Amino acid sequence: MSLTRTRRLRQALAGERAVMAPGVVDAMYARLVAEAGFEAMYMTGAGTSATRLGYPDVGLLTMTEMVDNATRIADASDLPLIADADNGFGGPLNVRRAIQLYERGGVAAVHLEDQVLPKRCGHLSGKQLISAEDMVAKVKAAVDARVDPDFVVIARTDALALHGRNAAFDRAEMYREAGADVIFIESPLPDDLPHIAPRFPGIPLLYNMATSGKTPFLTRSEIEALGFKLIIYPNWLLLSACEAARQTLEVLKREETIASVAPHVMSFKQFFDTARMAEVQELEARYGTPENSRTDY
């Protein structure tokens, strides 16, 4: 009997190596991460906002929009998906519904943050926090709402940048006591990193390799040595694709032909292979689609 995605994520978090979860924004990125051989993936809220709305991560997406995107990503790959759930989209009852929807959508874990509405990307200024007691209620609601006991609830605090290390650690301890499975202290600076794991023994810690550069770009081994068990890489794939797209557009504008770009991009066949053309062809054959109507390259 194969293990569920939630159980596989739990086992990975209990292993010796830190789990690396590249950030994805849609189903095609999920397929690419799976092809590359990673053991988990992460749905970035900032990337979802950028690709679905063309706006930054300032709390504009609704619960149903975020869950819809997560469901499509989870459906595209068997990898465990860790998803951004913002601040739970409201109070404890909103959190309950969010957890239920994410879990039904095939997500293996979510993280909830202690910001007010409208929230902000954790590496932007202008953040404000709810009380620690209100966040504790949300964490309890999240833990209580899950059906699968292996579904992972990650509690994030944004207090470090606003109120300092002690305040962030106090909040994180309260969230652990409320039942969080993983602790996520957002935006640690280099001086903060050595102090986190000693303060939170016995619980997995999340390292956010955000693109802002506030938290240093360390190697997996360096992050493991600091005591972290889960590493998310939120928007690196999207940023790489955006830069490649910008360069392609510049060439097309300048040369008025795509000929010089063609040798440097994924081939037509590679693109459709990643999009599971072989699966489509097998299904067409299974269901008796006439030979002259079957999809081919």
Protein backbone atom coordinates (compact mmCIF):
# COMPACT_ATOMS: atom_id res chain seq x y z
CA MET A 1 0.00 0.00 0.00
CA SER A 2 1.50 3.33 -1.05
CA LEU A 3 1.92 6.04 1.52
CA THR A 4 -0.22 9.16 1.39
CA ARG A 5 1.43 12.45 0.52
CA THR A 6 0.85 13.69 4.06
CA ARG A 7 2.55 10.62 5.53
CA ARG A 8 5.47 10.94 3.12
CA LEU A 9 5.94 14.57 4.14
CA ARG A 10 5.83 13.60 7.83
CA GLN A 11 8.44 10.93 7.27
CA ALA A 12 10.65 13.31 5.29
CA LEU A 13 10.48 15.89 8.08
CA ALA A 14 11.55 13.18 10.53
CA GLY A 15 14.51 12.19 8.37
CA GLU A 16 18.13 13.24 8.58
CA ARG A 17 18.14 15.65 5.62
CA ALA A 18 16.27 18.93 5.36
CA VAL A 19 13.39 18.77 2.89
CA MET A 20 13.84 21.08 -0.11
CA ALA A 21 10.55 22.38 -1.56
CA PRO A 22 10.88 24.55 -4.69
CA GLY A 23 8.17 27.14 -5.17
CA VAL A 24 5.52 26.55 -7.84
CA VAL A 25 2.69 28.70 -9.15
CA ASP A 26 0.78 26.30 -11.37
CA ALA A 27 0.49 22.72 -12.57
CA MET A 28 3.26 22.92 -15.17
CA TYR A 29 5.79 24.04 -12.57
CA ALA A 30 4.65 21.14 -10.38
CA ARG A 31 5.45 18.74 -13.22
CA LEU A 32 8.90 20.29 -13.65
CA VAL A 33 9.71 19.97 -9.94
CA ALA A 34 8.66 16.33 -9.99
CA GLU A 35 10.78 15.68 -13.09
CA ALA A 36 13.77 17.20 -11.31
CA GLY A 37 13.46 14.64 -8.51
CA PHE A 38 12.54 16.79 -5.50
CA GLU A 39 10.54 15.25 -2.68
CA ALA A 40 8.15 18.15 -2.02
CA MET A 41 6.97 21.44 -3.51
CA TYR A 42 5.63 24.73 -2.19
CA MET A 43 2.78 26.89 -3.50
CA THR A 44 3.96 30.47 -3.11
CA GLY A 45 1.32 33.04 -2.25
CA ALA A 46 3.33 35.87 -3.78
CA GLY A 47 3.78 33.89 -6.98
CA THR A 48 0.12 32.95 -7.08
CA SER A 49 -0.88 36.60 -6.70
CA ALA A 50 1.56 37.67 -9.40
CA THR A 51 0.49 35.05 -11.93
CA ARG A 52 -3.26 35.17 -11.29
CA LEU A 53 -3.68 38.90 -10.73
CA GLY A 54 -0.48 40.59 -11.84
CA TYR A 55 -0.31 42.20 -8.40
CA PRO A 56 2.04 41.82 -5.43
CA ASP A 57 1.25 39.75 -2.37
CA VAL A 58 -0.87 42.23 -0.41
CA GLY A 59 -3.84 40.06 0.50
CA LEU A 60 -5.93 40.48 -2.65
CA LEU A 61 -6.53 36.79 -3.35
CA THR A 62 -9.49 35.13 -1.69
CA MET A 63 -9.57 31.78 0.06
CA THR A 64 -11.29 30.06 -2.84
CA GLU A 65 -8.76 31.44 -5.35
CA MET A 66 -5.84 30.23 -3.27
CA VAL A 67 -7.41 26.81 -2.69
CA ASP A 68 -8.27 26.48 -6.38
CA ASN A 69 -4.66 27.09 -7.35
CA ALA A 70 -3.37 24.68 -4.71
CA THR A 71 -5.80 21.99 -5.83
CA ARG A 72 -4.68 22.27 -9.46
CA ILE A 73 -1.03 22.06 -8.41
CA ALA A 74 -1.63 19.07 -6.12
CA ASP A 75 -3.56 17.30 -8.87
CA ALA A 76 -0.64 17.68 -11.31
CA SER A 77 1.93 15.83 -9.22
CA ASP A 78 2.16 13.15 -6.58
CA LEU A 79 4.66 15.22 -4.62
CA PRO A 80 3.56 16.50 -1.20
CA LEU A 81 2.45 20.12 -1.58
CA ILE A 82 3.04 22.71 1.13
CA ALA A 83 0.74 25.67 0.50
CA ASP A 84 0.57 29.26 1.65
CA ALA A 85 -2.73 29.84 3.46
CA ASP A 86 -2.05 33.49 4.32
CA ASN A 87 -3.58 34.35 7.71
CA GLY A 88 -6.37 31.82 7.37
CA PHE A 89 -8.56 34.37 5.58
CA GLY A 90 -10.25 35.57 8.75
CA GLY A 91 -10.91 34.25 12.22
CA PRO A 92 -10.84 30.70 13.60
CA LEU A 93 -13.99 29.65 11.74
CA ASN A 94 -12.48 30.87 8.46
CA VAL A 95 -9.34 28.91 9.31
CA ARG A 96 -11.40 25.75 9.87
CA ARG A 97 -12.97 26.07 6.44
CA ALA A 98 -9.64 26.86 4.79
CA ILE A 99 -8.00 23.77 6.28
CA GLN A 100 -10.88 21.57 5.20
CA LEU A 101 -10.74 22.91 1.63
CA TYR A 102 -6.95 22.64 1.32
CA GLU A 103 -7.01 19.10 2.70
CA ARG A 104 -9.79 18.01 0.33
CA GLY A 105 -7.77 19.53 -2.50
CA GLY A 106 -4.86 17.16 -1.90
CA VAL A 107 -2.53 19.56 -0.09
CA ALA A 108 -0.18 17.97 2.46
CA ALA A 109 0.61 21.04 4.59
CA VAL A 110 -0.25 24.71 4.96
CA HIS A 111 1.30 27.62 6.79
CA LEU A 112 -0.71 30.24 8.62
CA GLU A 113 0.69 33.64 9.61
CA ASP A 114 -0.14 36.01 12.46
CA GLN A 115 -0.79 39.11 10.36
CA VAL A 116 -3.90 41.27 10.22
CA LEU A 117 -6.01 41.74 7.11
CA PRO A 118 -4.94 42.91 4.60
CA LYS A 119 -1.74 40.90 4.96
CA ARG A 120 1.63 41.53 3.31
CA CYS A 121 4.38 39.36 1.90
CA GLY A 122 6.62 38.53 4.84
CA HIS A 123 9.58 40.35 3.28
CA LEU A 124 7.66 43.61 2.66
CA SER A 125 7.27 46.48 5.08
CA GLY A 126 3.91 47.62 6.42
CA LYS A 127 3.04 44.38 8.22
CA GLN A 128 0.83 44.40 11.30
CA LEU A 129 0.13 41.55 13.69
CA ILE A 130 -2.92 40.17 15.42
CA SER A 131 -2.53 39.34 19.09
CA ALA A 132 -0.69 36.19 19.99
CA GLU A 133 -3.85 34.92 21.68
CA ASP A 134 -5.86 35.36 18.49
CA MET A 135 -3.24 33.43 16.52
CA VAL A 136 -3.27 30.66 19.11
CA ALA A 137 -7.00 30.31 18.50
CA LYS A 138 -6.34 30.01 14.75
CA VAL A 139 -3.70 27.33 15.24
CA LYS A 140 -6.05 25.36 17.48
CA ALA A 141 -8.81 25.69 14.88
CA ALA A 142 -6.48 24.46 12.14
CA VAL A 143 -5.35 21.43 14.12
CA ASP A 144 -8.93 20.62 15.08
CA ALA A 145 -10.26 20.99 11.52
CA ARG A 146 -8.00 18.48 9.78
CA VAL A 147 -9.38 15.03 9.08
CA ASP A 148 -6.06 13.38 8.23
CA PRO A 149 -3.89 13.46 11.37
CA ASP A 150 -0.80 13.54 9.13
CA PHE A 151 -1.86 16.84 7.53
CA VAL A 152 0.83 19.30 8.62
CA VAL A 153 -0.03 22.65 10.22
CA ILE A 154 2.80 25.18 10.02
CA ALA A 155 2.55 28.26 12.25
CA ARG A 156 4.36 31.35 11.03
CA THR A 157 5.13 34.48 13.01
CA ASP A 158 6.10 37.79 11.44
CA ALA A 159 7.00 39.31 14.80
CA LEU A 160 10.76 39.20 14.32
CA ALA A 161 10.96 42.15 11.93
CA LEU A 162 8.47 44.18 13.96
CA HIS A 163 9.18 43.43 17.61
CA GLY A 164 12.46 41.57 17.77
CA ARG A 165 13.74 38.12 18.53
CA ASN A 166 12.27 37.62 22.00
CA ALA A 167 8.77 38.58 20.90
CA ALA A 168 8.99 36.27 17.89
CA PHE A 169 10.24 33.39 20.01
CA ASP A 170 7.53 33.90 22.63
CA ARG A 171 4.85 33.83 19.97
CA ALA A 172 6.32 30.78 18.26
CA GLU A 173 6.39 28.92 21.58
CA MET A 174 2.71 29.71 22.11
CA TYR A 175 1.91 28.40 18.63
CA ARG A 176 3.85 25.21 19.31
CA GLU A 177 1.89 24.68 22.52
CA ALA A 178 -1.33 25.24 20.55
CA GLY A 179 -0.49 22.24 18.38
CA ALA A 180 1.51 23.49 15.40
CA ASP A 181 3.56 20.75 13.74
CA VAL A 182 6.22 23.06 12.27
CA ILE A 183 7.40 26.52 13.34
CA PHE A 184 8.13 29.22 10.75
CA ILE A 185 9.87 32.37 12.00
CA GLU A 186 9.75 34.76 9.07
CA SER A 187 12.60 36.96 7.84
CA PRO A 188 15.45 35.99 10.18
CA LEU A 189 18.68 37.89 9.63
CA PRO A 190 22.09 36.17 9.83
CA ASP A 191 22.50 37.09 13.50
CA ASP A 192 19.13 35.50 14.33
CA LEU A 193 19.71 32.12 12.69
CA PRO A 194 21.96 30.44 15.31
CA HIS A 195 19.45 31.21 18.07
CA ILE A 196 16.33 29.63 16.58
CA ALA A 197 16.91 25.87 16.75
CA PRO A 198 18.29 25.88 20.31
CA ARG A 199 15.12 27.68 21.40
CA PHE A 200 12.82 25.13 19.73
CA PRO A 201 14.15 21.61 20.22
CA GLY A 202 11.98 18.72 19.14
CA ILE A 203 9.91 20.46 16.47
CA PRO A 204 10.70 20.93 12.76
CA LEU A 205 11.65 24.47 11.72
CA LEU A 206 11.05 26.08 8.33
CA TYR A 207 13.69 28.14 6.49
CA ASN A 208 12.25 30.55 3.93
CA MET A 209 14.76 31.09 1.12
CA ALA A 210 12.95 34.18 -0.12
CA THR A 211 14.36 36.22 -2.98
CA SER A 212 14.61 39.47 -1.00
CA GLY A 213 18.04 38.53 0.36
CA LYS A 214 17.14 39.45 3.95
CA THR A 215 17.62 35.83 4.93
CA PRO A 216 20.95 34.56 3.55
CA PHE A 217 21.20 32.21 0.57
CA LEU A 218 22.71 29.24 2.39
CA THR A 219 23.26 25.70 1.14
CA ARG A 220 21.11 22.81 2.23
CA SER A 221 23.91 21.49 4.43
CA GLU A 222 24.41 24.88 6.06
CA ILE A 223 20.70 25.15 6.79
CA GLU A 224 20.64 21.63 8.22
CA ALA A 225 23.56 22.54 10.47
CA LEU A 226 21.48 25.41 11.84
CA GLY A 227 18.75 22.95 12.82
CA PHE A 228 16.10 23.57 10.13
CA LYS A 229 14.14 20.66 8.60
CA LEU A 230 12.11 22.27 5.78
CA ILE A 231 13.38 24.75 3.17
CA ILE A 232 11.02 26.55 0.82
CA TYR A 233 12.23 28.42 -2.27
CA PRO A 234 9.15 30.54 -3.02
CA ASN A 235 9.59 32.38 -6.32
CA TRP A 236 12.89 31.29 -7.82
CA LEU A 237 11.35 29.33 -10.67
CA LEU A 238 8.92 32.13 -11.52
CA LEU A 239 11.68 34.75 -11.45
CA SER A 240 13.86 32.57 -13.66
CA ALA A 241 11.01 32.16 -16.15
CA CYS A 242 10.18 35.89 -16.10
CA GLU A 243 13.78 36.82 -16.87
CA ALA A 244 13.94 34.26 -19.68
CA ALA A 245 10.65 35.55 -21.09
CA ARG A 246 11.90 39.13 -20.94
CA GLN A 247 15.04 38.19 -22.85
CA THR A 248 13.01 36.33 -25.47
CA LEU A 249 10.76 39.34 -25.96
CA GLU A 250 13.78 41.62 -26.34
CA VAL A 251 15.22 39.34 -29.02
CA LEU A 252 11.89 39.09 -30.84
CA LYS A 253 11.44 42.86 -30.76
CA ARG A 254 14.98 43.48 -32.00
CA GLU A 255 15.34 40.71 -34.58
CA GLU A 256 11.70 40.32 -35.60
CA THR A 257 12.19 36.54 -35.69
CA ILE A 258 12.30 33.82 -33.08
CA ALA A 259 14.97 31.81 -34.92
CA SER A 260 17.90 32.65 -32.63
CA VAL A 261 15.88 31.83 -29.51
CA ALA A 262 14.58 28.45 -30.67
CA PRO A 263 17.76 26.43 -29.93
CA HIS A 264 17.84 27.66 -26.32
CA VAL A 265 14.33 26.80 -25.11
CA MET A 266 12.53 23.56 -24.25
CA SER A 267 11.66 21.72 -27.43
CA PHE A 268 8.13 21.12 -28.64
CA LYS A 269 8.42 17.45 -27.71
CA GLN A 270 9.96 18.14 -24.30
CA PHE A 271 7.14 20.57 -23.53
CA PHE A 272 4.42 18.04 -24.35
CA ASP A 273 6.31 15.23 -22.63
CA THR A 274 6.32 17.28 -19.43
CA ALA A 275 2.61 17.93 -19.93
CA ARG A 276 2.13 14.12 -19.97
CA MET A 277 1.43 13.51 -23.62
CA ALA A 278 2.26 9.82 -23.11
CA GLU A 279 -0.60 9.56 -20.62
CA VAL A 280 -3.01 11.16 -23.11
CA GLN A 281 -1.91 8.77 -25.85
CA GLU A 282 -2.33 5.75 -23.57
CA LEU A 283 -5.84 6.84 -22.60
CA GLU A 284 -6.85 7.46 -26.20
CA ALA A 285 -5.71 3.96 -27.08
CA ARG A 286 -7.49 2.46 -24.07
CA TYR A 287 -10.81 4.09 -24.93
CA GLY A 288 -10.71 3.23 -28.61
CA THR A 289 -10.02 6.58 -30.21
CA PRO A 290 -9.55 5.84 -33.94
CA GLU A 291 -5.93 5.67 -35.02
CA ASN A 292 -6.30 8.59 -37.42
CA SER A 293 -7.72 10.78 -34.63
CA ARG A 294 -5.18 10.04 -31.90
CA THR A 295 -2.86 12.74 -30.69
CA ASP A 296 0.71 12.51 -31.93
CA TYR A 297 3.78 14.67 -32.22
